[in-house]
N, C-alpha and C. Protein backbone atom coordinates (compact mmCIF):
# COMPACT_ATOMS: atom_id res chain seq x y z
N MET A 1 40.91 12.79 11.61
CA MET A 1 41.12 11.44 11.09
C MET A 1 40.71 10.39 12.13
N LYS A 2 41.07 10.65 13.38
CA LYS A 2 40.75 9.72 14.44
C LYS A 2 39.22 9.58 14.58
N HIS A 3 38.50 10.72 14.47
CA HIS A 3 37.05 10.67 14.58
C HIS A 3 36.41 9.92 13.42
N CYS A 4 36.96 10.07 12.24
CA CYS A 4 36.44 9.34 11.07
C CYS A 4 36.60 7.84 11.25
N LEU A 5 37.76 7.45 11.75
CA LEU A 5 38.01 6.02 11.97
C LEU A 5 37.05 5.46 13.00
N LEU A 6 36.82 6.21 14.08
CA LEU A 6 35.87 5.76 15.09
C LEU A 6 34.46 5.66 14.53
N LEU A 7 34.08 6.61 13.68
CA LEU A 7 32.76 6.59 13.06
C LEU A 7 32.60 5.36 12.17
N ILE A 8 33.60 5.08 11.38
CA ILE A 8 33.57 3.91 10.49
C ILE A 8 33.46 2.62 11.29
N ILE A 9 34.25 2.52 12.35
CA ILE A 9 34.21 1.31 13.19
C ILE A 9 32.84 1.16 13.83
N SER A 10 32.29 2.27 14.35
CA SER A 10 30.98 2.17 15.01
C SER A 10 29.88 1.83 14.01
N LEU A 11 29.95 2.36 12.78
CA LEU A 11 28.96 2.02 11.76
C LEU A 11 29.05 0.55 11.38
N CYS A 12 30.26 0.04 11.25
CA CYS A 12 30.44 -1.38 10.92
C CYS A 12 29.88 -2.26 12.04
N PHE A 13 30.15 -1.88 13.29
CA PHE A 13 29.64 -2.64 14.41
C PHE A 13 28.12 -2.59 14.46
N ALA A 14 27.54 -1.42 14.24
CA ALA A 14 26.09 -1.27 14.29
C ALA A 14 25.42 -2.11 13.22
N SER A 15 25.96 -2.13 12.01
CA SER A 15 25.34 -2.92 10.95
C SER A 15 25.48 -4.41 11.23
N THR A 16 26.55 -4.82 11.89
CA THR A 16 26.71 -6.22 12.26
C THR A 16 25.66 -6.62 13.28
N VAL A 17 25.43 -5.76 14.27
CA VAL A 17 24.44 -6.07 15.30
C VAL A 17 23.04 -6.13 14.70
N VAL A 18 22.69 -5.19 13.83
CA VAL A 18 21.37 -5.20 13.20
C VAL A 18 21.21 -6.45 12.35
N GLY A 19 22.21 -6.81 11.58
CA GLY A 19 22.15 -7.99 10.73
C GLY A 19 22.03 -9.27 11.53
N ALA A 20 22.59 -9.28 12.74
CA ALA A 20 22.56 -10.48 13.57
C ALA A 20 21.13 -10.84 13.95
N ASP A 21 20.29 -9.85 14.18
CA ASP A 21 18.91 -10.12 14.55
C ASP A 21 18.17 -10.87 13.44
N LYS A 22 18.47 -10.55 12.19
CA LYS A 22 17.75 -11.14 11.07
C LYS A 22 18.23 -12.56 10.74
N THR A 23 19.37 -12.95 11.25
CA THR A 23 19.85 -14.31 10.99
C THR A 23 19.60 -15.22 12.19
N ALA A 24 19.18 -14.63 13.31
CA ALA A 24 18.93 -15.41 14.51
C ALA A 24 17.66 -16.26 14.34
N LYS A 25 17.54 -17.23 15.21
CA LYS A 25 16.35 -18.09 15.21
C LYS A 25 15.13 -17.24 15.56
N PRO A 26 14.01 -17.42 14.85
CA PRO A 26 12.80 -16.65 15.16
C PRO A 26 12.36 -16.88 16.61
N SER A 27 11.74 -15.86 17.19
CA SER A 27 11.30 -15.96 18.58
C SER A 27 10.25 -17.05 18.76
N GLY A 28 10.07 -17.45 20.00
CA GLY A 28 9.06 -18.44 20.31
C GLY A 28 7.66 -17.95 19.95
N ARG A 29 7.43 -16.65 20.12
CA ARG A 29 6.13 -16.06 19.78
C ARG A 29 5.83 -16.25 18.29
N VAL A 30 6.81 -16.04 17.46
CA VAL A 30 6.66 -16.19 16.01
C VAL A 30 6.41 -17.66 15.67
N GLN A 31 7.18 -18.55 16.27
CA GLN A 31 7.04 -19.97 15.97
C GLN A 31 5.67 -20.51 16.39
N VAL A 32 5.20 -20.08 17.57
CA VAL A 32 3.89 -20.53 18.04
C VAL A 32 2.79 -19.99 17.13
N ALA A 33 2.88 -18.71 16.76
CA ALA A 33 1.86 -18.11 15.90
C ALA A 33 1.78 -18.83 14.57
N ALA A 34 2.93 -19.16 13.99
CA ALA A 34 2.95 -19.84 12.69
C ALA A 34 2.29 -21.21 12.76
N LYS A 35 2.43 -21.88 13.88
CA LYS A 35 1.86 -23.22 14.04
C LYS A 35 0.34 -23.20 14.18
N THR A 36 -0.25 -22.04 14.43
CA THR A 36 -1.69 -21.97 14.62
C THR A 36 -2.47 -21.97 13.31
N LEU A 37 -1.78 -21.81 12.20
CA LEU A 37 -2.46 -21.78 10.90
C LEU A 37 -2.83 -23.19 10.45
N ALA A 38 -3.99 -23.31 9.86
CA ALA A 38 -4.39 -24.56 9.22
C ALA A 38 -3.58 -24.70 7.93
N PRO A 39 -3.41 -25.92 7.43
CA PRO A 39 -2.62 -26.11 6.20
C PRO A 39 -3.09 -25.24 5.03
N ALA A 40 -4.40 -25.10 4.85
CA ALA A 40 -4.91 -24.29 3.74
C ALA A 40 -4.57 -22.81 3.94
N GLN A 41 -4.63 -22.33 5.17
CA GLN A 41 -4.27 -20.94 5.46
C GLN A 41 -2.78 -20.70 5.22
N ARG A 42 -1.96 -21.66 5.64
CA ARG A 42 -0.51 -21.57 5.44
C ARG A 42 -0.19 -21.53 3.94
N THR A 43 -0.84 -22.39 3.18
CA THR A 43 -0.61 -22.45 1.73
C THR A 43 -1.00 -21.14 1.06
N LYS A 44 -2.16 -20.60 1.43
CA LYS A 44 -2.61 -19.35 0.82
C LYS A 44 -1.68 -18.20 1.19
N LEU A 45 -1.25 -18.13 2.45
CA LEU A 45 -0.33 -17.05 2.86
C LEU A 45 1.00 -17.16 2.13
N LEU A 46 1.54 -18.35 2.01
CA LEU A 46 2.79 -18.53 1.27
C LEU A 46 2.61 -18.16 -0.20
N GLU A 47 1.45 -18.48 -0.76
CA GLU A 47 1.17 -18.11 -2.15
C GLU A 47 1.17 -16.58 -2.31
N ILE A 48 0.52 -15.90 -1.37
CA ILE A 48 0.49 -14.43 -1.42
C ILE A 48 1.90 -13.87 -1.29
N LEU A 49 2.66 -14.40 -0.33
CA LEU A 49 4.01 -13.88 -0.09
C LEU A 49 4.95 -14.14 -1.26
N ASN A 50 4.79 -15.28 -1.93
CA ASN A 50 5.73 -15.65 -2.98
C ASN A 50 5.32 -15.24 -4.39
N SER A 51 4.03 -15.00 -4.61
CA SER A 51 3.63 -14.64 -5.97
C SER A 51 2.72 -13.42 -6.06
N GLY A 52 2.35 -12.87 -4.91
CA GLY A 52 1.48 -11.70 -4.92
C GLY A 52 2.20 -10.45 -5.42
N ASP A 53 1.46 -9.60 -6.11
CA ASP A 53 2.05 -8.33 -6.53
C ASP A 53 2.04 -7.37 -5.34
N ASP A 54 2.54 -6.16 -5.56
CA ASP A 54 2.64 -5.23 -4.45
C ASP A 54 1.28 -4.87 -3.85
N VAL A 55 0.25 -4.77 -4.67
CA VAL A 55 -1.09 -4.45 -4.17
C VAL A 55 -1.61 -5.59 -3.29
N THR A 56 -1.40 -6.81 -3.72
CA THR A 56 -1.83 -7.97 -2.94
C THR A 56 -1.09 -8.03 -1.61
N LEU A 57 0.22 -7.81 -1.66
CA LEU A 57 1.01 -7.82 -0.42
C LEU A 57 0.57 -6.71 0.52
N MET A 58 0.21 -5.56 -0.03
CA MET A 58 -0.21 -4.44 0.80
C MET A 58 -1.59 -4.65 1.43
N SER A 59 -2.28 -5.72 1.03
CA SER A 59 -3.55 -6.04 1.68
C SER A 59 -3.31 -6.72 3.04
N LEU A 60 -2.07 -7.11 3.30
CA LEU A 60 -1.71 -7.71 4.58
C LEU A 60 -1.50 -6.60 5.62
N PRO A 61 -1.78 -6.87 6.88
CA PRO A 61 -1.63 -5.84 7.91
C PRO A 61 -0.20 -5.31 8.00
N HIS A 62 -0.08 -4.00 8.12
CA HIS A 62 1.18 -3.29 8.32
C HIS A 62 2.14 -3.39 7.14
N ILE A 63 1.66 -3.82 5.99
CA ILE A 63 2.52 -3.92 4.82
C ILE A 63 2.18 -2.78 3.87
N GLY A 64 3.13 -1.88 3.73
CA GLY A 64 3.02 -0.79 2.77
C GLY A 64 3.91 -1.09 1.59
N GLN A 65 4.13 -0.10 0.78
CA GLN A 65 4.90 -0.29 -0.44
C GLN A 65 6.34 -0.72 -0.15
N THR A 66 6.97 -0.12 0.85
CA THR A 66 8.36 -0.45 1.16
C THR A 66 8.50 -1.89 1.64
N ARG A 67 7.63 -2.30 2.54
CA ARG A 67 7.70 -3.68 3.04
C ARG A 67 7.30 -4.67 1.96
N ALA A 68 6.36 -4.31 1.11
CA ALA A 68 5.97 -5.20 0.00
C ALA A 68 7.16 -5.44 -0.92
N LEU A 69 7.90 -4.39 -1.22
CA LEU A 69 9.09 -4.54 -2.07
C LEU A 69 10.15 -5.40 -1.38
N ALA A 70 10.29 -5.22 -0.05
CA ALA A 70 11.26 -6.04 0.69
C ALA A 70 10.87 -7.52 0.67
N ILE A 71 9.57 -7.79 0.77
CA ILE A 71 9.10 -9.19 0.70
C ILE A 71 9.39 -9.77 -0.68
N MET A 72 9.11 -9.00 -1.73
CA MET A 72 9.37 -9.49 -3.09
C MET A 72 10.86 -9.77 -3.29
N LYS A 73 11.70 -8.95 -2.70
CA LYS A 73 13.15 -9.13 -2.82
C LYS A 73 13.62 -10.38 -2.08
N ALA A 74 12.91 -10.75 -1.00
CA ALA A 74 13.30 -11.90 -0.17
C ALA A 74 12.81 -13.24 -0.71
N ARG A 75 12.02 -13.22 -1.76
CA ARG A 75 11.46 -14.46 -2.30
C ARG A 75 12.55 -15.39 -2.77
N PRO A 76 12.35 -16.69 -2.70
CA PRO A 76 11.17 -17.40 -2.20
C PRO A 76 11.20 -17.51 -0.68
N ILE A 77 10.03 -17.42 -0.10
CA ILE A 77 9.87 -17.63 1.34
C ILE A 77 9.29 -19.03 1.49
N ILE A 78 10.11 -19.94 1.97
CA ILE A 78 9.73 -21.34 2.08
C ILE A 78 9.02 -21.61 3.41
N ASN A 79 9.57 -21.07 4.48
CA ASN A 79 9.03 -21.26 5.82
C ASN A 79 8.47 -19.93 6.30
N LEU A 80 7.24 -19.90 6.78
CA LEU A 80 6.61 -18.66 7.20
C LEU A 80 7.42 -17.89 8.22
N VAL A 81 8.08 -18.57 9.14
CA VAL A 81 8.83 -17.86 10.18
C VAL A 81 9.99 -17.06 9.59
N ASP A 82 10.40 -17.39 8.38
CA ASP A 82 11.47 -16.63 7.73
C ASP A 82 11.01 -15.23 7.33
N LEU A 83 9.72 -14.97 7.40
CA LEU A 83 9.20 -13.65 7.07
C LEU A 83 9.77 -12.59 8.01
N VAL A 84 10.07 -12.95 9.26
CA VAL A 84 10.62 -11.96 10.19
C VAL A 84 12.06 -11.58 9.83
N LYS A 85 12.67 -12.28 8.90
CA LYS A 85 14.01 -11.90 8.43
C LYS A 85 13.95 -10.77 7.41
N VAL A 86 12.75 -10.49 6.91
CA VAL A 86 12.56 -9.42 5.94
C VAL A 86 12.63 -8.08 6.66
N GLU A 87 13.35 -7.15 6.07
CA GLU A 87 13.50 -5.81 6.64
C GLU A 87 12.13 -5.19 6.94
N GLY A 88 11.94 -4.76 8.18
CA GLY A 88 10.70 -4.09 8.57
C GLY A 88 9.62 -5.01 9.12
N ILE A 89 9.86 -6.31 9.10
CA ILE A 89 8.86 -7.25 9.62
C ILE A 89 9.36 -7.77 10.97
N GLY A 90 8.67 -7.37 12.02
CA GLY A 90 9.01 -7.83 13.36
C GLY A 90 8.00 -8.82 13.87
N ASP A 91 8.14 -9.20 15.12
CA ASP A 91 7.26 -10.19 15.72
C ASP A 91 5.79 -9.76 15.66
N GLN A 92 5.51 -8.50 16.02
CA GLN A 92 4.11 -8.07 16.07
C GLN A 92 3.48 -8.05 14.67
N THR A 93 4.22 -7.56 13.69
CA THR A 93 3.70 -7.56 12.32
C THR A 93 3.43 -8.98 11.87
N PHE A 94 4.35 -9.89 12.17
CA PHE A 94 4.17 -11.29 11.80
C PHE A 94 2.90 -11.85 12.44
N VAL A 95 2.73 -11.62 13.74
CA VAL A 95 1.55 -12.14 14.44
C VAL A 95 0.27 -11.55 13.84
N ASP A 96 0.29 -10.26 13.51
CA ASP A 96 -0.89 -9.63 12.91
C ASP A 96 -1.21 -10.23 11.54
N ILE A 97 -0.20 -10.57 10.78
CA ILE A 97 -0.41 -11.22 9.47
C ILE A 97 -1.02 -12.61 9.68
N ILE A 98 -0.55 -13.33 10.68
CA ILE A 98 -1.09 -14.66 10.98
C ILE A 98 -2.57 -14.54 11.39
N VAL A 99 -2.89 -13.58 12.24
CA VAL A 99 -4.28 -13.36 12.67
C VAL A 99 -5.15 -13.03 11.45
N HIS A 100 -4.63 -12.23 10.55
CA HIS A 100 -5.34 -11.87 9.32
C HIS A 100 -5.60 -13.13 8.48
N ALA A 101 -4.61 -14.00 8.37
CA ALA A 101 -4.77 -15.24 7.60
C ALA A 101 -5.80 -16.15 8.26
N LYS A 102 -5.77 -16.23 9.60
CA LYS A 102 -6.73 -17.07 10.31
C LYS A 102 -8.15 -16.55 10.16
N ALA A 103 -8.30 -15.24 9.93
CA ALA A 103 -9.62 -14.64 9.75
C ALA A 103 -10.12 -14.79 8.32
N GLY A 104 -9.34 -15.44 7.48
CA GLY A 104 -9.76 -15.68 6.10
C GLY A 104 -9.36 -14.59 5.13
N PHE A 105 -8.34 -13.81 5.46
CA PHE A 105 -7.83 -12.74 4.60
C PHE A 105 -8.91 -11.73 4.24
N PRO A 106 -9.58 -11.16 5.26
CA PRO A 106 -10.65 -10.20 4.95
C PRO A 106 -10.09 -8.95 4.28
N GLU A 107 -10.91 -8.37 3.42
CA GLU A 107 -10.51 -7.11 2.80
C GLU A 107 -10.63 -6.02 3.84
N THR A 108 -9.66 -5.13 3.84
CA THR A 108 -9.68 -4.05 4.82
C THR A 108 -10.10 -2.76 4.14
N GLU A 109 -10.81 -1.95 4.89
CA GLU A 109 -11.23 -0.65 4.40
C GLU A 109 -10.04 0.29 4.44
N PRO A 110 -9.93 1.20 3.47
CA PRO A 110 -8.84 2.16 3.53
C PRO A 110 -8.98 3.05 4.75
N ALA A 111 -7.85 3.47 5.28
CA ALA A 111 -7.87 4.33 6.45
C ALA A 111 -8.55 5.65 6.12
N CYS A 112 -9.36 6.11 7.02
CA CYS A 112 -10.07 7.36 6.83
C CYS A 112 -9.15 8.51 7.18
N SER A 113 -8.99 9.44 6.28
CA SER A 113 -8.18 10.61 6.57
C SER A 113 -8.93 11.86 6.16
N LYS A 114 -8.66 12.93 6.85
CA LYS A 114 -9.36 14.19 6.58
C LYS A 114 -9.05 14.69 5.17
N LYS A 115 -7.84 14.41 4.65
CA LYS A 115 -7.49 14.86 3.31
C LYS A 115 -8.28 14.11 2.24
N SER A 116 -8.35 12.78 2.36
CA SER A 116 -9.01 12.00 1.33
C SER A 116 -10.53 11.99 1.49
N MET A 117 -11.00 12.08 2.72
CA MET A 117 -12.43 12.05 3.01
C MET A 117 -12.74 13.13 4.04
N PRO A 118 -13.04 14.34 3.61
CA PRO A 118 -13.19 15.43 4.55
C PRO A 118 -14.33 15.25 5.56
N PHE A 119 -15.27 14.37 5.29
CA PHE A 119 -16.41 14.23 6.18
C PHE A 119 -16.32 12.97 7.05
N CYS A 120 -15.12 12.43 7.20
CA CYS A 120 -14.95 11.25 8.06
C CYS A 120 -15.21 11.63 9.50
N SER A 121 -15.78 10.69 10.22
CA SER A 121 -16.02 10.96 11.64
C SER A 121 -15.00 10.27 12.50
């Protein structure tokens, strides 16, 4: 019984600590990166984040199906820096998405894998 109580207390504490990161003020790195976007780039990225389907969201760097669903659940995203509050989106992912937006949202080639493309080099 004592061990169960300790486990419950530690789980509650751990979830509180994890949740605290997502409610904290975004890092300076995130804030600076967000400010580098031109207004048109910011508008297009917010449009993708707030109305894009899962396929559109997965065109963003490091966004797979799980993160796309988390973004859809977090809508509406009013301020770009709030994207780091979404489960699975950290500073580096945020910066990579900003770089992608600054590059004009280029289409990315699917990753080459031996299973899907046996003759990949």
